[in-house]
Amino acid sequence: MAEIWESIYKSNHEMWGLNPTPSTIIAKDFFIEKGIKNMLIPGFGYGRNAQVFIENGIHVTGIEISKTAIKKAKKHFGADTKVYHGSVSAMPFDAIKYDGIYSYSLIHLLDTEERKKLIKDCYDQLAKGGYMIFVVVSKKAPNYGTGNYISEDRYEVHKGLCLYFYDEKSIEKEFGDFGLFEVNEIEEDLPFYIVKCRKS
């Protein structure tokens, strides 16, 4: 996985631009409403989704598998944000309990056991009363069912890049024991679900 993303970030400029996604704006508004002050972003990328939280007074820590992406984040958004280099499968990287966790378009890149571990690890790092938001790809995406079949609802859509496609049933199955309270659909470059959980 690390080699794939290192190659992608090296061969492409800031391929998704420097502006946050619509779902990130929704998450930002939600976290501000809930008074979130410190948050973790697993799958930090080059920081385009982090900046909007930072600009609104939220302290952000990231996890990113690509050193090139981290360098790009420092170039565009400054050197103040702590970004751990490594795979989310190696969580936790610190002992901090975060008010909020935001993971955009990451979890569906993982296999079943990796997804389970990421959800649990994120939940374990939430402070009591904290919120976590995952943005996950939907089965309504046009590339669902294309490419090489890996396992149920999981396909290799590009060489070395596998996606697990969610519906509301699989969201309930994977997030149901971790404070799941709301699921919304959103259309971006692909159809996604915004999955919200709270640690009571």
N, C-alpha and C. Protein backbone atom coordinates (compact mmCIF):
# COMPACT_ATOMS: atom_id res chain seq x y z
N MET A 1 0.83 -1.22 0.00
CA MET A 1 0.00 0.00 0.00
C MET A 1 0.86 1.26 0.00
N ALA A 2 1.92 1.28 0.82
CA ALA A 2 2.79 2.46 0.90
C ALA A 2 3.40 2.78 -0.45
N GLU A 3 3.87 1.74 -1.16
CA GLU A 3 4.52 1.96 -2.46
C GLU A 3 3.54 2.56 -3.46
N ILE A 4 2.30 2.08 -3.45
CA ILE A 4 1.29 2.59 -4.38
C ILE A 4 1.08 4.09 -4.17
N TRP A 5 0.86 4.47 -2.91
CA TRP A 5 0.56 5.88 -2.65
C TRP A 5 1.77 6.77 -2.81
N GLU A 6 2.94 6.26 -2.51
CA GLU A 6 4.15 7.04 -2.75
C GLU A 6 4.30 7.33 -4.24
N SER A 7 4.03 6.31 -5.05
CA SER A 7 4.10 6.47 -6.51
C SER A 7 3.06 7.46 -7.01
N ILE A 8 1.83 7.36 -6.49
CA ILE A 8 0.76 8.27 -6.90
C ILE A 8 1.11 9.72 -6.58
N TYR A 9 1.59 9.95 -5.36
CA TYR A 9 1.89 11.33 -4.97
C TYR A 9 3.13 11.88 -5.67
N LYS A 10 4.06 11.01 -6.02
CA LYS A 10 5.25 11.46 -6.75
C LYS A 10 4.94 11.79 -8.21
N SER A 11 4.05 11.02 -8.82
CA SER A 11 3.80 11.16 -10.26
C SER A 11 2.72 12.18 -10.57
N ASN A 12 1.99 12.62 -9.57
CA ASN A 12 0.93 13.60 -9.78
C ASN A 12 1.19 14.83 -8.92
N HIS A 13 0.86 15.98 -9.49
CA HIS A 13 0.86 17.18 -8.66
C HIS A 13 -0.35 17.05 -7.72
N GLU A 14 -0.75 18.10 -7.10
CA GLU A 14 -1.83 18.03 -6.13
C GLU A 14 -3.12 17.67 -6.89
N MET A 15 -3.29 16.37 -7.14
CA MET A 15 -4.26 15.88 -8.13
C MET A 15 -5.70 16.21 -7.78
N TRP A 16 -5.99 16.42 -6.51
CA TRP A 16 -7.35 16.75 -6.12
C TRP A 16 -7.51 18.24 -5.80
N GLY A 17 -6.50 19.03 -6.13
CA GLY A 17 -6.55 20.46 -5.84
C GLY A 17 -6.21 20.76 -4.38
N LEU A 18 -6.41 21.99 -3.99
CA LEU A 18 -6.06 22.42 -2.64
C LEU A 18 -7.27 22.79 -1.80
N ASN A 19 -8.45 22.67 -2.37
CA ASN A 19 -9.66 23.00 -1.62
C ASN A 19 -10.25 21.76 -0.95
N PRO A 20 -10.86 21.92 0.22
CA PRO A 20 -11.48 20.77 0.90
C PRO A 20 -12.70 20.27 0.14
N THR A 21 -13.03 19.02 0.36
CA THR A 21 -14.19 18.41 -0.29
C THR A 21 -15.49 18.92 0.36
N PRO A 22 -16.61 18.80 -0.34
CA PRO A 22 -17.90 19.18 0.26
C PRO A 22 -18.19 18.44 1.57
N SER A 23 -17.85 17.16 1.63
CA SER A 23 -18.10 16.41 2.87
C SER A 23 -17.23 16.91 4.01
N THR A 24 -16.04 17.41 3.69
CA THR A 24 -15.17 17.97 4.72
C THR A 24 -15.75 19.26 5.28
N ILE A 25 -16.36 20.07 4.43
CA ILE A 25 -17.03 21.29 4.90
C ILE A 25 -18.17 20.93 5.85
N ILE A 26 -18.92 19.89 5.50
CA ILE A 26 -20.01 19.41 6.37
C ILE A 26 -19.44 18.97 7.72
N ALA A 27 -18.33 18.20 7.67
CA ALA A 27 -17.69 17.72 8.90
C ALA A 27 -17.17 18.89 9.74
N LYS A 28 -16.59 19.88 9.08
CA LYS A 28 -16.08 21.07 9.78
C LYS A 28 -17.20 21.78 10.53
N ASP A 29 -18.31 21.99 9.84
CA ASP A 29 -19.44 22.67 10.48
C ASP A 29 -19.96 21.87 11.67
N PHE A 30 -20.01 20.55 11.50
CA PHE A 30 -20.48 19.68 12.58
C PHE A 30 -19.54 19.75 13.78
N PHE A 31 -18.24 19.65 13.53
CA PHE A 31 -17.26 19.66 14.63
C PHE A 31 -17.26 21.01 15.35
N ILE A 32 -17.42 22.09 14.61
CA ILE A 32 -17.50 23.42 15.25
C ILE A 32 -18.73 23.50 16.14
N GLU A 33 -19.86 23.02 15.61
CA GLU A 33 -21.10 23.02 16.38
C GLU A 33 -20.95 22.24 17.68
N LYS A 34 -20.18 21.15 17.63
CA LYS A 34 -20.00 20.29 18.81
C LYS A 34 -18.85 20.74 19.70
N GLY A 35 -18.18 21.81 19.33
CA GLY A 35 -17.11 22.34 20.18
C GLY A 35 -15.83 21.53 20.16
N ILE A 36 -15.57 20.85 19.06
CA ILE A 36 -14.35 20.03 18.96
C ILE A 36 -13.13 20.93 18.91
N LYS A 37 -12.11 20.60 19.74
CA LYS A 37 -10.91 21.43 19.82
C LYS A 37 -9.66 20.72 19.30
N ASN A 38 -9.63 19.39 19.39
CA ASN A 38 -8.47 18.68 18.86
C ASN A 38 -8.94 17.44 18.12
N MET A 39 -8.35 17.20 16.96
CA MET A 39 -8.83 16.10 16.14
C MET A 39 -7.68 15.38 15.44
N LEU A 40 -7.98 14.15 15.07
CA LEU A 40 -7.04 13.28 14.36
C LEU A 40 -7.58 13.02 12.97
N ILE A 41 -6.67 13.07 11.98
CA ILE A 41 -7.05 12.76 10.60
C ILE A 41 -6.19 11.59 10.10
N PRO A 42 -6.70 10.35 10.19
CA PRO A 42 -6.00 9.23 9.57
C PRO A 42 -6.19 9.30 8.05
N GLY A 43 -5.10 9.19 7.30
CA GLY A 43 -5.18 9.39 5.86
C GLY A 43 -5.13 10.87 5.55
N PHE A 44 -4.10 11.54 6.05
CA PHE A 44 -3.96 12.99 5.99
C PHE A 44 -3.73 13.51 4.57
N GLY A 45 -3.11 12.68 3.72
CA GLY A 45 -2.79 13.12 2.37
C GLY A 45 -1.85 14.31 2.38
N TYR A 46 -2.08 15.27 1.47
CA TYR A 46 -1.25 16.47 1.44
C TYR A 46 -1.93 17.65 2.13
N GLY A 47 -2.94 17.34 2.95
CA GLY A 47 -3.48 18.33 3.88
C GLY A 47 -4.62 19.18 3.39
N ARG A 48 -5.14 18.91 2.19
CA ARG A 48 -6.18 19.81 1.66
C ARG A 48 -7.45 19.79 2.52
N ASN A 49 -7.75 18.66 3.16
CA ASN A 49 -8.94 18.60 4.01
C ASN A 49 -8.67 19.06 5.44
N ALA A 50 -7.39 19.11 5.82
CA ALA A 50 -7.05 19.51 7.19
C ALA A 50 -7.14 21.02 7.38
N GLN A 51 -6.81 21.76 6.34
CA GLN A 51 -6.64 23.19 6.48
C GLN A 51 -7.89 23.90 6.98
N VAL A 52 -9.05 23.45 6.52
CA VAL A 52 -10.30 24.12 6.91
C VAL A 52 -10.59 23.94 8.40
N PHE A 53 -10.14 22.84 8.99
CA PHE A 53 -10.29 22.66 10.44
C PHE A 53 -9.33 23.59 11.18
N ILE A 54 -8.08 23.62 10.70
CA ILE A 54 -7.06 24.46 11.34
C ILE A 54 -7.47 25.93 11.31
N GLU A 55 -7.99 26.38 10.16
CA GLU A 55 -8.42 27.78 10.01
C GLU A 55 -9.55 28.14 10.98
N ASN A 56 -10.26 27.12 11.46
CA ASN A 56 -11.36 27.35 12.38
C ASN A 56 -11.00 27.00 13.83
N GLY A 57 -9.71 27.02 14.11
CA GLY A 57 -9.25 26.92 15.49
C GLY A 57 -9.19 25.52 16.07
N ILE A 58 -9.27 24.50 15.22
CA ILE A 58 -9.18 23.11 15.70
C ILE A 58 -7.75 22.63 15.53
N HIS A 59 -7.20 22.08 16.60
CA HIS A 59 -5.83 21.54 16.54
C HIS A 59 -5.88 20.17 15.86
N VAL A 60 -5.10 20.00 14.81
CA VAL A 60 -5.14 18.80 13.98
C VAL A 60 -3.84 18.01 14.08
N THR A 61 -3.98 16.70 14.20
CA THR A 61 -2.87 15.75 14.09
C THR A 61 -3.22 14.79 12.95
N GLY A 62 -2.22 14.42 12.16
CA GLY A 62 -2.48 13.54 11.02
C GLY A 62 -1.69 12.25 11.06
N ILE A 63 -2.14 11.30 10.27
CA ILE A 63 -1.41 10.06 9.99
C ILE A 63 -1.40 9.91 8.47
N GLU A 64 -0.22 9.68 7.90
CA GLU A 64 -0.12 9.57 6.44
C GLU A 64 0.97 8.56 6.06
N ILE A 65 0.64 7.71 5.11
CA ILE A 65 1.53 6.62 4.70
C ILE A 65 2.62 7.08 3.72
N SER A 66 2.37 8.22 3.04
CA SER A 66 3.30 8.69 2.01
C SER A 66 4.16 9.86 2.51
N LYS A 67 5.47 9.68 2.48
CA LYS A 67 6.38 10.78 2.85
C LYS A 67 6.26 11.94 1.88
N THR A 68 6.03 11.64 0.60
CA THR A 68 5.88 12.70 -0.39
C THR A 68 4.65 13.55 -0.09
N ALA A 69 3.54 12.91 0.30
CA ALA A 69 2.33 13.66 0.65
C ALA A 69 2.58 14.57 1.85
N ILE A 70 3.32 14.07 2.84
CA ILE A 70 3.62 14.88 4.03
C ILE A 70 4.45 16.10 3.64
N LYS A 71 5.42 15.91 2.75
CA LYS A 71 6.25 17.03 2.28
C LYS A 71 5.39 18.07 1.56
N LYS A 72 4.44 17.60 0.76
CA LYS A 72 3.54 18.52 0.06
C LYS A 72 2.67 19.29 1.05
N ALA A 73 2.22 18.60 2.10
CA ALA A 73 1.41 19.27 3.12
C ALA A 73 2.20 20.38 3.80
N LYS A 74 3.46 20.11 4.11
CA LYS A 74 4.30 21.12 4.76
C LYS A 74 4.49 22.32 3.83
N LYS A 75 4.67 22.05 2.54
CA LYS A 75 4.89 23.11 1.56
C LYS A 75 3.66 24.03 1.46
N HIS A 76 2.48 23.43 1.40
CA HIS A 76 1.27 24.21 1.18
C HIS A 76 0.68 24.81 2.45
N PHE A 77 0.77 24.07 3.55
CA PHE A 77 0.00 24.46 4.73
C PHE A 77 0.85 24.70 5.97
N GLY A 78 2.17 24.75 5.80
CA GLY A 78 3.03 25.08 6.93
C GLY A 78 3.50 23.88 7.72
N ALA A 79 4.38 24.13 8.64
CA ALA A 79 5.08 23.05 9.33
C ALA A 79 4.56 22.80 10.75
N ASP A 80 3.48 23.46 11.14
CA ASP A 80 3.03 23.38 12.53
C ASP A 80 2.26 22.09 12.86
N THR A 81 1.60 21.52 11.87
CA THR A 81 0.76 20.35 12.14
C THR A 81 1.60 19.09 12.26
N LYS A 82 1.37 18.34 13.32
CA LYS A 82 2.06 17.06 13.52
C LYS A 82 1.41 16.01 12.63
N VAL A 83 2.23 15.40 11.77
CA VAL A 83 1.74 14.32 10.91
C VAL A 83 2.66 13.11 11.11
N TYR A 84 2.09 12.05 11.66
CA TYR A 84 2.86 10.81 11.83
C TYR A 84 3.00 10.11 10.49
N HIS A 85 4.21 9.67 10.18
CA HIS A 85 4.42 8.91 8.95
C HIS A 85 4.23 7.43 9.26
N GLY A 86 3.29 6.80 8.58
CA GLY A 86 3.06 5.37 8.77
C GLY A 86 1.67 4.97 8.33
N SER A 87 1.41 3.69 8.39
CA SER A 87 0.11 3.15 8.01
C SER A 87 -0.86 3.25 9.18
N VAL A 88 -2.13 3.46 8.87
CA VAL A 88 -3.14 3.48 9.93
C VAL A 88 -3.22 2.13 10.64
N SER A 89 -2.73 1.08 9.99
CA SER A 89 -2.74 -0.24 10.63
C SER A 89 -1.80 -0.28 11.83
N ALA A 90 -0.91 0.73 11.95
CA ALA A 90 0.02 0.79 13.08
C ALA A 90 -0.51 1.66 14.22
N MET A 91 -1.74 2.14 14.10
CA MET A 91 -2.33 2.93 15.20
C MET A 91 -2.39 2.11 16.48
N PRO A 92 -2.27 2.82 17.63
CA PRO A 92 -2.15 4.27 17.81
C PRO A 92 -0.70 4.74 17.74
N PHE A 93 -0.52 5.99 17.29
CA PHE A 93 0.80 6.60 17.24
C PHE A 93 1.07 7.45 18.47
N ASP A 94 0.04 7.73 19.25
CA ASP A 94 0.21 8.47 20.49
C ASP A 94 -0.88 8.03 21.46
N ALA A 95 -0.84 8.55 22.67
CA ALA A 95 -1.81 8.16 23.70
C ALA A 95 -2.88 9.23 23.91
N ILE A 96 -2.97 10.16 22.99
CA ILE A 96 -3.92 11.27 23.11
C ILE A 96 -5.34 10.78 22.87
N LYS A 97 -6.27 11.31 23.63
CA LYS A 97 -7.69 11.10 23.37
C LYS A 97 -8.22 12.34 22.64
N TYR A 98 -8.74 12.13 21.44
CA TYR A 98 -9.16 13.24 20.59
C TYR A 98 -10.66 13.50 20.72
N ASP A 99 -11.03 14.78 20.63
CA ASP A 99 -12.46 15.15 20.62
C ASP A 99 -13.13 14.69 19.33
N GLY A 100 -12.38 14.73 18.23
CA GLY A 100 -12.93 14.37 16.93
C GLY A 100 -11.94 13.62 16.08
N ILE A 101 -12.43 12.74 15.25
CA ILE A 101 -11.61 12.02 14.27
C ILE A 101 -12.33 12.09 12.94
N TYR A 102 -11.57 12.43 11.90
CA TYR A 102 -12.15 12.56 10.56
C TYR A 102 -11.31 11.76 9.58
N SER A 103 -11.96 10.83 8.89
CA SER A 103 -11.27 9.99 7.92
C SER A 103 -12.01 10.04 6.59
N TYR A 104 -11.36 10.65 5.61
CA TYR A 104 -11.98 10.85 4.30
C TYR A 104 -11.43 9.85 3.28
N SER A 105 -12.31 9.05 2.70
CA SER A 105 -11.97 8.21 1.54
C SER A 105 -10.75 7.33 1.80
N LEU A 106 -10.71 6.74 2.98
CA LEU A 106 -9.58 5.87 3.34
C LEU A 106 -10.01 4.44 3.64
N ILE A 107 -11.01 4.29 4.49
CA ILE A 107 -11.31 2.97 5.04
C ILE A 107 -11.68 1.96 3.95
N HIS A 108 -12.28 2.42 2.87
CA HIS A 108 -12.69 1.48 1.81
C HIS A 108 -11.49 0.95 1.00
N LEU A 109 -10.29 1.47 1.28
CA LEU A 109 -9.08 0.94 0.64
C LEU A 109 -8.54 -0.28 1.39
N LEU A 110 -9.12 -0.59 2.53
CA LEU A 110 -8.59 -1.63 3.41
C LEU A 110 -9.39 -2.92 3.30
N ASP A 111 -8.75 -4.03 3.71
CA ASP A 111 -9.48 -5.30 3.72
C ASP A 111 -10.31 -5.41 5.01
N THR A 112 -11.02 -6.50 5.15
CA THR A 112 -11.99 -6.64 6.25
C THR A 112 -11.35 -6.44 7.61
N GLU A 113 -10.25 -7.14 7.88
CA GLU A 113 -9.62 -7.05 9.20
C GLU A 113 -9.01 -5.67 9.43
N GLU A 114 -8.45 -5.08 8.38
CA GLU A 114 -7.88 -3.73 8.51
C GLU A 114 -8.97 -2.70 8.79
N ARG A 115 -10.12 -2.87 8.16
CA ARG A 115 -11.23 -1.94 8.43
C ARG A 115 -11.70 -2.06 9.87
N LYS A 116 -11.86 -3.29 10.34
CA LYS A 116 -12.27 -3.51 11.73
C LYS A 116 -11.29 -2.85 12.70
N LYS A 117 -10.01 -3.04 12.44
CA LYS A 117 -8.99 -2.48 13.33
C LYS A 117 -9.01 -0.96 13.31
N LEU A 118 -9.15 -0.38 12.12
CA LEU A 118 -9.16 1.08 12.03
C LEU A 118 -10.33 1.67 12.81
N ILE A 119 -11.51 1.10 12.64
CA ILE A 119 -12.68 1.62 13.36
C ILE A 119 -12.47 1.51 14.87
N LYS A 120 -12.00 0.37 15.32
CA LYS A 120 -11.78 0.18 16.77
C LYS A 120 -10.69 1.11 17.29
N ASP A 121 -9.59 1.22 16.54
CA ASP A 121 -8.49 2.07 16.97
C ASP A 121 -8.93 3.53 17.06
N CYS A 122 -9.71 3.98 16.09
CA CYS A 122 -10.21 5.35 16.13
C CYS A 122 -11.14 5.55 17.32
N TYR A 123 -12.04 4.61 17.52
CA TYR A 123 -12.99 4.70 18.64
C TYR A 123 -12.23 4.73 19.97
N ASP A 124 -11.19 3.90 20.08
CA ASP A 124 -10.39 3.85 21.31
C ASP A 124 -9.67 5.17 21.57
N GLN A 125 -9.36 5.92 20.51
CA GLN A 125 -8.66 7.19 20.70
C GLN A 125 -9.61 8.38 20.86
N LEU A 126 -10.90 8.12 20.82
CA LEU A 126 -11.86 9.20 21.07
C LEU A 126 -12.01 9.45 22.57
N ALA A 127 -12.08 10.71 22.93
CA ALA A 127 -12.46 11.06 24.30
C ALA A 127 -13.94 10.74 24.48
N LYS A 128 -14.36 10.53 25.72
CA LYS A 128 -15.77 10.30 25.98
C LYS A 128 -16.58 11.50 25.49
N GLY A 129 -17.65 11.21 24.77
CA GLY A 129 -18.44 12.27 24.18
C GLY A 129 -17.92 12.77 22.85
N GLY A 130 -16.78 12.20 22.39
CA GLY A 130 -16.18 12.61 21.13
C GLY A 130 -16.89 12.00 19.93
N TYR A 131 -16.60 12.57 18.77
CA TYR A 131 -17.25 12.16 17.53
C TYR A 131 -16.22 11.72 16.49
N MET A 132 -16.58 10.72 15.71
CA MET A 132 -15.75 10.37 14.57
C MET A 132 -16.62 10.30 13.32
N ILE A 133 -16.05 10.79 12.22
CA ILE A 133 -16.75 10.82 10.94
C ILE A 133 -15.89 10.13 9.89
N PHE A 134 -16.49 9.18 9.21
CA PHE A 134 -15.83 8.49 8.10
C PHE A 134 -16.60 8.79 6.82
N VAL A 135 -15.88 9.09 5.75
CA VAL A 135 -16.50 9.25 4.44
C VAL A 135 -16.10 8.03 3.61
N VAL A 136 -17.11 7.24 3.21
CA VAL A 136 -16.86 5.93 2.59
C VAL A 136 -17.56 5.85 1.24
N VAL A 137 -16.98 5.11 0.32
CA VAL A 137 -17.53 5.01 -1.03
C VAL A 137 -18.75 4.09 -1.05
N SER A 138 -19.71 4.45 -1.88
CA SER A 138 -20.99 3.76 -1.94
C SER A 138 -21.03 2.73 -3.07
N LYS A 139 -21.87 1.73 -2.89
CA LYS A 139 -22.14 0.76 -3.96
C LYS A 139 -22.77 1.42 -5.19
N LYS A 140 -23.27 2.62 -5.03
CA LYS A 140 -23.86 3.33 -6.16
C LYS A 140 -22.81 3.92 -7.10
N ALA A 141 -21.54 3.81 -6.73
CA ALA A 141 -20.47 4.30 -7.58
C ALA A 141 -20.45 3.53 -8.90
N PRO A 142 -20.15 4.20 -10.00
CA PRO A 142 -20.16 3.52 -11.31
C PRO A 142 -19.13 2.42 -11.45
N ASN A 143 -18.07 2.46 -10.64
CA ASN A 143 -17.04 1.40 -10.74
C ASN A 143 -17.29 0.23 -9.78
N TYR A 144 -18.44 0.26 -9.08
CA TYR A 144 -18.78 -0.92 -8.27
C TYR A 144 -19.01 -2.12 -9.19
N GLY A 145 -18.37 -3.23 -8.84
CA GLY A 145 -18.52 -4.45 -9.63
C GLY A 145 -17.60 -4.53 -10.83
N THR A 146 -16.72 -3.55 -11.00
CA THR A 146 -15.78 -3.57 -12.11
C THR A 146 -14.39 -4.00 -11.62
N GLY A 147 -13.53 -4.36 -12.55
CA GLY A 147 -12.19 -4.80 -12.17
C GLY A 147 -12.20 -6.22 -11.65
N ASN A 148 -11.11 -6.59 -10.98
CA ASN A 148 -10.97 -7.95 -10.47
C ASN A 148 -11.71 -8.12 -9.15
N TYR A 149 -12.54 -9.14 -9.07
CA TYR A 149 -13.26 -9.46 -7.83
C TYR A 149 -12.27 -9.97 -6.79
N ILE A 150 -12.29 -9.37 -5.60
CA ILE A 150 -11.41 -9.79 -4.51
C ILE A 150 -12.19 -10.58 -3.47
N SER A 151 -13.28 -10.00 -3.02
CA SER A 151 -14.17 -10.64 -2.04
C SER A 151 -15.50 -9.89 -2.12
N GLU A 152 -16.43 -10.26 -1.28
CA GLU A 152 -17.76 -9.64 -1.35
C GLU A 152 -17.66 -8.11 -1.28
N ASP A 153 -18.17 -7.45 -2.32
CA ASP A 153 -18.22 -5.99 -2.42
C ASP A 153 -16.85 -5.32 -2.47
N ARG A 154 -15.81 -6.11 -2.75
CA ARG A 154 -14.44 -5.55 -2.84
C ARG A 154 -13.83 -5.94 -4.19
N TYR A 155 -13.31 -4.91 -4.90
CA TYR A 155 -12.78 -5.12 -6.25
C TYR A 155 -11.47 -4.36 -6.43
N GLU A 156 -10.59 -4.95 -7.23
CA GLU A 156 -9.37 -4.26 -7.62
C GLU A 156 -9.73 -3.39 -8.83
N VAL A 157 -9.95 -2.10 -8.59
CA VAL A 157 -10.44 -1.22 -9.64
C VAL A 157 -9.30 -0.66 -10.50
N HIS A 158 -8.11 -0.61 -9.94
CA HIS A 158 -6.88 -0.29 -10.67
C HIS A 158 -5.81 -1.23 -10.16
N LYS A 159 -4.74 -1.38 -10.89
CA LYS A 159 -3.68 -2.31 -10.49
C LYS A 159 -3.17 -1.98 -9.09
N GLY A 160 -3.36 -2.92 -8.17
CA GLY A 160 -2.90 -2.75 -6.80
C GLY A 160 -3.82 -1.92 -5.92
N LEU A 161 -4.89 -1.37 -6.49
CA LEU A 161 -5.79 -0.50 -5.72
C LEU A 161 -7.16 -1.16 -5.61
N CYS A 162 -7.48 -1.62 -4.40
CA CYS A 162 -8.75 -2.33 -4.16
C CYS A 162 -9.69 -1.43 -3.37
N LEU A 163 -10.97 -1.50 -3.71
CA LEU A 163 -11.99 -0.73 -3.01
C LEU A 163 -13.06 -1.65 -2.46
N TYR A 164 -13.48 -1.37 -1.23
CA TYR A 164 -14.64 -2.02 -0.64
C TYR A 164 -15.79 -1.02 -0.73
N PHE A 165 -16.91 -1.44 -1.31
CA PHE A 165 -18.05 -0.56 -1.53
C PHE A 165 -19.13 -0.81 -0.48
N TYR A 166 -19.57 0.28 0.15
CA TYR A 166 -20.52 0.20 1.26
C TYR A 166 -21.96 0.42 0.81
N ASP A 167 -22.88 -0.16 1.58
CA ASP A 167 -24.29 0.24 1.57
C ASP A 167 -24.68 0.43 3.03
N GLU A 168 -25.93 0.78 3.28
CA GLU A 168 -26.33 1.06 4.67
C GLU A 168 -26.25 -0.18 5.55
N LYS A 169 -26.47 -1.34 4.97
CA LYS A 169 -26.39 -2.57 5.74
C LYS A 169 -24.96 -2.84 6.20
N SER A 170 -23.99 -2.69 5.31
CA SER A 170 -22.60 -2.95 5.69
C SER A 170 -22.07 -1.85 6.63
N ILE A 171 -22.58 -0.63 6.48
CA ILE A 171 -22.21 0.43 7.43
C ILE A 171 -22.68 0.06 8.84
N GLU A 172 -23.93 -0.39 8.94
CA GLU A 172 -24.45 -0.82 10.24
C GLU A 172 -23.64 -1.96 10.81
N LYS A 173 -23.26 -2.90 9.97
CA LYS A 173 -22.49 -4.06 10.43
C LYS A 173 -21.13 -3.65 10.97
N GLU A 174 -20.45 -2.75 10.29
CA GLU A 174 -19.08 -2.40 10.70
C GLU A 174 -19.02 -1.32 11.76
N PHE A 175 -19.95 -0.37 11.74
CA PHE A 175 -19.89 0.77 12.66
C PHE A 175 -20.92 0.69 13.79
N GLY A 176 -21.84 -0.27 13.70
CA GLY A 176 -22.95 -0.32 14.64
C GLY A 176 -22.58 -0.42 16.10
N ASP A 177 -21.46 -1.08 16.39
CA ASP A 177 -21.03 -1.24 17.78
C ASP A 177 -20.15 -0.09 18.26
N PHE A 178 -20.01 0.93 17.43
CA PHE A 178 -19.09 2.03 17.76
C PHE A 178 -19.80 3.38 17.73
N GLY A 179 -21.01 3.40 18.27
CA GLY A 179 -21.71 4.66 18.46
C GLY A 179 -22.30 5.26 17.20
N LEU A 180 -22.56 4.43 16.20
CA LEU A 180 -23.16 4.93 14.96
C LEU A 180 -24.50 5.59 15.25
N PHE A 181 -24.69 6.83 14.76
CA PHE A 181 -25.98 7.48 14.99
C PHE A 181 -26.54 8.18 13.75
N GLU A 182 -25.73 8.31 12.69
CA GLU A 182 -26.26 9.00 11.51
C GLU A 182 -25.48 8.61 10.27
N VAL A 183 -26.20 8.42 9.17
CA VAL A 183 -25.60 8.12 7.87
C VAL A 183 -26.27 9.00 6.82
N ASN A 184 -25.46 9.71 6.04
CA ASN A 184 -25.99 10.57 4.98
C ASN A 184 -25.26 10.28 3.67
N GLU A 185 -25.98 10.41 2.57
CA GLU A 185 -25.36 10.25 1.25
C GLU A 185 -24.91 11.60 0.73
N ILE A 186 -23.82 11.60 -0.03
CA ILE A 186 -23.34 12.81 -0.68
C ILE A 186 -22.70 12.44 -2.01
N GLU A 187 -22.90 13.29 -2.99
CA GLU A 187 -22.34 13.06 -4.32
C GLU A 187 -21.15 13.99 -4.51
N GLU A 188 -19.97 13.39 -4.67
CA GLU A 188 -18.77 14.17 -4.98
C GLU A 188 -18.23 13.65 -6.31
N ASP A 189 -16.93 13.33 -6.39
CA ASP A 189 -16.44 12.69 -7.62
C ASP A 189 -17.01 11.28 -7.75
N LEU A 190 -17.39 10.70 -6.61
CA LEU A 190 -18.11 9.44 -6.54
C LEU A 190 -19.23 9.60 -5.51
N PRO A 191 -20.21 8.70 -5.51
CA PRO A 191 -21.19 8.72 -4.42
C PRO A 191 -20.56 8.19 -3.13
N PHE A 192 -20.72 8.94 -2.06
CA PHE A 192 -20.17 8.56 -0.76
C PHE A 192 -21.28 8.54 0.30
N TYR A 193 -20.96 7.89 1.41
CA TYR A 193 -21.73 8.03 2.64
C TYR A 193 -20.89 8.79 3.66
N ILE A 194 -21.54 9.67 4.41
CA ILE A 194 -20.92 10.31 5.58
C ILE A 194 -21.43 9.56 6.80
N VAL A 195 -20.51 8.91 7.50
CA VAL A 195 -20.86 8.04 8.63
C VAL A 195 -20.43 8.74 9.93
N LYS A 196 -21.39 8.97 10.83
CA LYS A 196 -21.10 9.67 12.08
C LYS A 196 -21.29 8.73 13.26
N CYS A 197 -20.30 8.75 14.16
CA CYS A 197 -20.35 7.95 15.39
C CYS A 197 -20.01 8.82 16.59
N ARG A 198 -20.55 8.44 17.73
CA ARG A 198 -20.26 9.18 18.98
C ARG A 198 -19.88 8.19 20.08
N LYS A 199 -18.86 8.56 20.85
CA LYS A 199 -18.46 7.73 21.99
C LYS A 199 -19.17 8.23 23.22
N SER A 200 -20.13 7.46 23.69
CA SER A 200 -20.95 7.90 24.83
C SER A 200 -20.26 7.55 26.15
